[in-house]
Amino acid sequence: MPSPDDSHGPDNERYVSTFDPDAGERASVAVVTAVEAVSQTDSLELPPLHDVVDPDALDSLVEHARRSGEAGQHELWFTYAGFEVGVRSDGRVLIGESTVANPNPE
């Protein structure tokens, strides 16, 4: 379950969740699980992740970064289900409120 990241303060709160890429845990699954927990929305009610990022490409990016560890830390940010989501190759998923307006309000 994601935990608050106190380093950003109350006006820019982020949540942090982790996954273990070395144990075969996939970044794409970790993103959906983390957003599900933060938003308190069942994953079946969330929009498909592939609408905003290719899940296989995301998983491949993390796997590649882990294999080429000398290249430093890799990080990818995107907006998903009303949240800014950052995925790091060290197995961290960062989630914050989106600063992008919803183009399809209900």
N, C-alpha and C. Protein backbone atom coordinates (compact mmCIF):
# COMPACT_ATOMS: atom_id res chain seq x y z
N MET A 1 0.85 -1.18 0.00
CA MET A 1 0.00 0.00 0.00
C MET A 1 0.89 1.23 0.00
N PRO A 2 0.54 2.23 -0.80
CA PRO A 2 1.34 3.45 -0.84
C PRO A 2 1.35 4.18 0.50
N SER A 3 2.46 4.83 0.77
CA SER A 3 2.58 5.63 1.99
C SER A 3 2.90 7.05 1.60
N PRO A 4 2.48 8.03 2.42
CA PRO A 4 2.78 9.42 2.10
C PRO A 4 4.28 9.67 2.07
N ASP A 5 4.69 10.50 1.13
CA ASP A 5 6.08 10.91 1.02
C ASP A 5 6.17 12.29 1.66
N ASP A 6 6.68 12.36 2.88
CA ASP A 6 6.70 13.61 3.64
C ASP A 6 7.62 14.67 3.06
N SER A 7 8.48 14.32 2.14
CA SER A 7 9.45 15.28 1.61
C SER A 7 8.83 16.34 0.72
N HIS A 8 7.55 16.19 0.37
CA HIS A 8 6.92 17.14 -0.53
C HIS A 8 5.98 18.12 0.17
N GLY A 9 5.72 17.94 1.45
CA GLY A 9 4.88 18.87 2.19
C GLY A 9 3.40 18.69 1.89
N PRO A 10 2.55 19.33 2.67
CA PRO A 10 1.11 19.12 2.57
C PRO A 10 0.49 19.67 1.29
N ASP A 11 1.10 20.68 0.66
CA ASP A 11 0.52 21.26 -0.55
C ASP A 11 0.86 20.47 -1.80
N ASN A 12 1.84 19.62 -1.73
CA ASN A 12 2.26 18.84 -2.89
C ASN A 12 2.53 17.41 -2.45
N GLU A 13 1.53 16.80 -1.82
CA GLU A 13 1.71 15.47 -1.25
C GLU A 13 1.83 14.41 -2.34
N ARG A 14 2.78 13.54 -2.15
CA ARG A 14 2.96 12.39 -3.03
C ARG A 14 2.92 11.13 -2.19
N TYR A 15 2.53 10.06 -2.85
CA TYR A 15 2.53 8.76 -2.21
C TYR A 15 3.56 7.89 -2.91
N VAL A 16 4.16 7.00 -2.15
CA VAL A 16 5.20 6.13 -2.68
C VAL A 16 4.79 4.68 -2.45
N SER A 17 4.92 3.89 -3.49
CA SER A 17 4.69 2.46 -3.41
C SER A 17 5.93 1.80 -4.00
N THR A 18 6.15 0.56 -3.68
CA THR A 18 7.33 -0.13 -4.20
C THR A 18 6.95 -1.45 -4.85
N PHE A 19 7.82 -1.88 -5.75
CA PHE A 19 7.73 -3.21 -6.34
C PHE A 19 9.16 -3.71 -6.48
N ASP A 20 9.32 -5.01 -6.65
CA ASP A 20 10.65 -5.60 -6.73
C ASP A 20 10.91 -6.12 -8.14
N PRO A 21 11.51 -5.28 -8.98
CA PRO A 21 11.77 -5.72 -10.36
C PRO A 21 12.74 -6.89 -10.43
N ASP A 22 13.61 -7.04 -9.44
CA ASP A 22 14.55 -8.16 -9.43
C ASP A 22 13.85 -9.50 -9.14
N ALA A 23 12.68 -9.43 -8.54
CA ALA A 23 11.90 -10.63 -8.24
C ALA A 23 10.85 -10.89 -9.32
N GLY A 24 10.90 -10.12 -10.40
CA GLY A 24 9.96 -10.31 -11.50
C GLY A 24 8.66 -9.55 -11.39
N GLU A 25 8.54 -8.69 -10.36
CA GLU A 25 7.33 -7.89 -10.24
C GLU A 25 7.33 -6.84 -11.35
N ARG A 26 6.18 -6.65 -11.97
CA ARG A 26 6.09 -5.76 -13.13
C ARG A 26 5.67 -4.35 -12.72
N ALA A 27 6.32 -3.38 -13.31
CA ALA A 27 6.01 -1.97 -13.04
C ALA A 27 4.57 -1.64 -13.39
N SER A 28 4.07 -2.17 -14.50
CA SER A 28 2.71 -1.87 -14.94
C SER A 28 1.67 -2.34 -13.91
N VAL A 29 1.88 -3.48 -13.33
CA VAL A 29 0.97 -4.00 -12.30
C VAL A 29 1.09 -3.14 -11.04
N ALA A 30 2.30 -2.74 -10.70
CA ALA A 30 2.52 -1.91 -9.51
C ALA A 30 1.83 -0.56 -9.64
N VAL A 31 1.83 0.01 -10.84
CA VAL A 31 1.15 1.30 -11.07
C VAL A 31 -0.34 1.17 -10.80
N VAL A 32 -0.97 0.18 -11.40
CA VAL A 32 -2.42 0.01 -11.22
C VAL A 32 -2.75 -0.28 -9.77
N THR A 33 -1.97 -1.11 -9.11
CA THR A 33 -2.20 -1.44 -7.71
C THR A 33 -2.06 -0.20 -6.82
N ALA A 34 -1.04 0.61 -7.09
CA ALA A 34 -0.82 1.81 -6.28
C ALA A 34 -1.92 2.84 -6.49
N VAL A 35 -2.31 3.07 -7.73
CA VAL A 35 -3.38 4.04 -8.01
C VAL A 35 -4.70 3.53 -7.42
N GLU A 36 -4.92 2.24 -7.48
CA GLU A 36 -6.12 1.65 -6.88
C GLU A 36 -6.16 1.96 -5.38
N ALA A 37 -5.04 1.81 -4.71
CA ALA A 37 -4.99 2.05 -3.27
C ALA A 37 -5.15 3.54 -2.93
N VAL A 38 -4.45 4.40 -3.65
CA VAL A 38 -4.51 5.84 -3.36
C VAL A 38 -5.89 6.40 -3.67
N SER A 39 -6.47 5.98 -4.78
CA SER A 39 -7.78 6.52 -5.19
C SER A 39 -8.95 5.81 -4.52
N GLN A 40 -8.66 4.69 -3.86
CA GLN A 40 -9.70 3.86 -3.24
C GLN A 40 -10.75 3.47 -4.28
N THR A 41 -10.25 3.11 -5.46
CA THR A 41 -11.09 2.70 -6.58
C THR A 41 -10.66 1.31 -7.01
N ASP A 42 -11.61 0.42 -7.19
CA ASP A 42 -11.28 -0.92 -7.66
C ASP A 42 -10.59 -0.83 -9.02
N SER A 43 -9.59 -1.68 -9.23
CA SER A 43 -8.82 -1.63 -10.47
C SER A 43 -9.70 -1.83 -11.70
N LEU A 44 -10.81 -2.55 -11.56
CA LEU A 44 -11.72 -2.74 -12.69
C LEU A 44 -12.45 -1.46 -13.06
N GLU A 45 -12.50 -0.51 -12.13
CA GLU A 45 -13.15 0.78 -12.39
C GLU A 45 -12.17 1.82 -12.95
N LEU A 46 -10.88 1.55 -12.86
CA LEU A 46 -9.88 2.48 -13.40
C LEU A 46 -9.82 2.36 -14.91
N PRO A 47 -9.42 3.44 -15.60
CA PRO A 47 -9.25 3.33 -17.05
C PRO A 47 -8.11 2.38 -17.37
N PRO A 48 -8.13 1.78 -18.55
CA PRO A 48 -7.03 0.88 -18.92
C PRO A 48 -5.71 1.63 -18.95
N LEU A 49 -4.69 1.04 -18.36
CA LEU A 49 -3.38 1.67 -18.34
C LEU A 49 -2.87 1.92 -19.75
N HIS A 50 -3.18 1.00 -20.67
CA HIS A 50 -2.68 1.14 -22.04
C HIS A 50 -3.24 2.35 -22.77
N ASP A 51 -4.24 3.03 -22.18
CA ASP A 51 -4.73 4.27 -22.78
C ASP A 51 -3.72 5.41 -22.65
N VAL A 52 -2.80 5.30 -21.69
CA VAL A 52 -1.84 6.38 -21.46
C VAL A 52 -0.39 5.96 -21.64
N VAL A 53 -0.10 4.68 -21.45
CA VAL A 53 1.27 4.20 -21.62
C VAL A 53 1.21 2.72 -21.99
N ASP A 54 2.10 2.28 -22.82
CA ASP A 54 2.16 0.88 -23.21
C ASP A 54 2.72 0.08 -22.03
N PRO A 55 1.91 -0.77 -21.39
CA PRO A 55 2.39 -1.51 -20.21
C PRO A 55 3.62 -2.37 -20.50
N ASP A 56 3.67 -3.00 -21.67
CA ASP A 56 4.83 -3.83 -22.01
C ASP A 56 6.08 -2.97 -22.16
N ALA A 57 5.92 -1.79 -22.76
CA ALA A 57 7.07 -0.89 -22.91
C ALA A 57 7.54 -0.38 -21.55
N LEU A 58 6.62 -0.09 -20.66
CA LEU A 58 6.97 0.35 -19.31
C LEU A 58 7.76 -0.74 -18.58
N ASP A 59 7.25 -1.97 -18.64
CA ASP A 59 7.95 -3.08 -18.00
C ASP A 59 9.33 -3.30 -18.62
N SER A 60 9.41 -3.18 -19.94
CA SER A 60 10.69 -3.37 -20.64
C SER A 60 11.69 -2.28 -20.27
N LEU A 61 11.21 -1.05 -20.12
CA LEU A 61 12.09 0.05 -19.74
C LEU A 61 12.72 -0.22 -18.38
N VAL A 62 11.92 -0.65 -17.43
CA VAL A 62 12.44 -0.95 -16.09
C VAL A 62 13.40 -2.13 -16.15
N GLU A 63 13.04 -3.18 -16.88
CA GLU A 63 13.91 -4.35 -17.00
C GLU A 63 15.25 -3.97 -17.64
N HIS A 64 15.20 -3.17 -18.70
CA HIS A 64 16.42 -2.75 -19.37
C HIS A 64 17.29 -1.90 -18.44
N ALA A 65 16.67 -0.99 -17.71
CA ALA A 65 17.42 -0.14 -16.78
C ALA A 65 18.08 -0.98 -15.69
N ARG A 66 17.43 -2.03 -15.25
CA ARG A 66 18.00 -2.89 -14.22
C ARG A 66 19.20 -3.66 -14.76
N ARG A 67 19.10 -4.11 -16.03
CA ARG A 67 20.21 -4.86 -16.65
C ARG A 67 21.42 -3.98 -16.89
N SER A 68 21.18 -2.72 -17.24
CA SER A 68 22.29 -1.80 -17.51
C SER A 68 22.44 -0.84 -16.35
N GLY A 69 22.64 -1.37 -15.16
CA GLY A 69 22.71 -0.62 -13.91
C GLY A 69 23.70 0.52 -13.89
N GLU A 70 24.71 0.48 -14.76
CA GLU A 70 25.71 1.54 -14.78
C GLU A 70 25.18 2.82 -15.39
N ALA A 71 24.04 2.76 -16.05
CA ALA A 71 23.49 3.92 -16.74
C ALA A 71 22.77 4.87 -15.80
N GLY A 72 22.71 4.55 -14.52
CA GLY A 72 22.05 5.43 -13.56
C GLY A 72 20.57 5.10 -13.40
N GLN A 73 19.90 5.96 -12.66
CA GLN A 73 18.49 5.79 -12.34
C GLN A 73 17.62 6.25 -13.52
N HIS A 74 16.62 5.47 -13.88
CA HIS A 74 15.67 5.84 -14.92
C HIS A 74 14.33 6.15 -14.26
N GLU A 75 13.62 7.11 -14.83
CA GLU A 75 12.33 7.53 -14.27
C GLU A 75 11.43 7.97 -15.41
N LEU A 76 10.17 7.57 -15.38
CA LEU A 76 9.19 7.93 -16.40
C LEU A 76 7.95 8.47 -15.69
N TRP A 77 7.46 9.61 -16.15
CA TRP A 77 6.26 10.23 -15.57
C TRP A 77 5.15 10.28 -16.60
N PHE A 78 3.91 10.06 -16.14
CA PHE A 78 2.74 10.17 -17.00
C PHE A 78 1.52 10.42 -16.12
N THR A 79 0.43 10.83 -16.74
CA THR A 79 -0.82 11.07 -16.02
C THR A 79 -1.73 9.87 -16.23
N TYR A 80 -2.25 9.34 -15.12
CA TYR A 80 -3.13 8.17 -15.18
C TYR A 80 -4.21 8.29 -14.12
N ALA A 81 -5.46 8.19 -14.54
CA ALA A 81 -6.62 8.18 -13.64
C ALA A 81 -6.65 9.39 -12.71
N GLY A 82 -6.23 10.54 -13.23
CA GLY A 82 -6.26 11.76 -12.44
C GLY A 82 -5.05 11.97 -11.54
N PHE A 83 -4.02 11.17 -11.69
CA PHE A 83 -2.81 11.27 -10.88
C PHE A 83 -1.58 11.39 -11.77
N GLU A 84 -0.59 12.11 -11.26
CA GLU A 84 0.74 12.10 -11.87
C GLU A 84 1.45 10.89 -11.31
N VAL A 85 1.95 10.04 -12.18
CA VAL A 85 2.58 8.79 -11.76
C VAL A 85 4.01 8.77 -12.27
N GLY A 86 4.94 8.51 -11.37
CA GLY A 86 6.33 8.35 -11.73
C GLY A 86 6.78 6.94 -11.41
N VAL A 87 7.41 6.30 -12.38
CA VAL A 87 7.92 4.94 -12.18
C VAL A 87 9.43 5.01 -12.26
N ARG A 88 10.09 4.51 -11.24
CA ARG A 88 11.56 4.53 -11.19
C ARG A 88 12.10 3.12 -11.34
N SER A 89 13.25 3.02 -11.95
CA SER A 89 13.85 1.71 -12.17
C SER A 89 14.34 1.06 -10.87
N ASP A 90 14.34 1.80 -9.77
CA ASP A 90 14.73 1.19 -8.48
C ASP A 90 13.54 0.52 -7.79
N GLY A 91 12.38 0.51 -8.46
CA GLY A 91 11.22 -0.16 -7.90
C GLY A 91 10.29 0.74 -7.12
N ARG A 92 10.39 2.04 -7.33
CA ARG A 92 9.48 2.98 -6.64
C ARG A 92 8.45 3.51 -7.62
N VAL A 93 7.22 3.63 -7.14
CA VAL A 93 6.14 4.27 -7.88
C VAL A 93 5.73 5.48 -7.06
N LEU A 94 5.82 6.67 -7.65
CA LEU A 94 5.46 7.92 -6.99
C LEU A 94 4.13 8.39 -7.56
N ILE A 95 3.21 8.77 -6.68
CA ILE A 95 1.88 9.19 -7.12
C ILE A 95 1.53 10.51 -6.46
N GLY A 96 1.12 11.47 -7.29
CA GLY A 96 0.68 12.77 -6.80
C GLY A 96 -0.54 13.23 -7.55
N GLU A 97 -1.19 14.23 -7.03
CA GLU A 97 -2.35 14.79 -7.71
C GLU A 97 -1.93 15.36 -9.06
N SER A 98 -2.75 15.17 -10.06
CA SER A 98 -2.44 15.65 -11.40
C SER A 98 -2.57 17.17 -11.48
N THR A 99 -1.67 17.77 -12.20
CA THR A 99 -1.76 19.21 -12.47
C THR A 99 -2.33 19.47 -13.85
N VAL A 100 -2.69 18.40 -14.56
CA VAL A 100 -3.25 18.50 -15.89
C VAL A 100 -4.77 18.41 -15.78
N ALA A 101 -5.47 19.32 -16.47
CA ALA A 101 -6.92 19.30 -16.45
C ALA A 101 -7.42 18.05 -17.16
N ASN A 102 -8.51 17.49 -16.67
CA ASN A 102 -9.11 16.31 -17.29
C ASN A 102 -9.74 16.70 -18.62
N PRO A 103 -9.25 16.15 -19.74
CA PRO A 103 -9.81 16.52 -21.04
C PRO A 103 -11.19 15.93 -21.29
N ASN A 104 -11.60 14.93 -20.51
CA ASN A 104 -12.89 14.28 -20.70
C ASN A 104 -13.69 14.24 -19.39
N PRO A 105 -14.06 15.41 -18.85
CA PRO A 105 -14.81 15.39 -17.58
C PRO A 105 -16.17 14.72 -17.79
N GLU A 106 -16.62 14.03 -16.76
CA GLU A 106 -17.91 13.32 -16.86
C GLU A 106 -19.05 14.22 -16.48
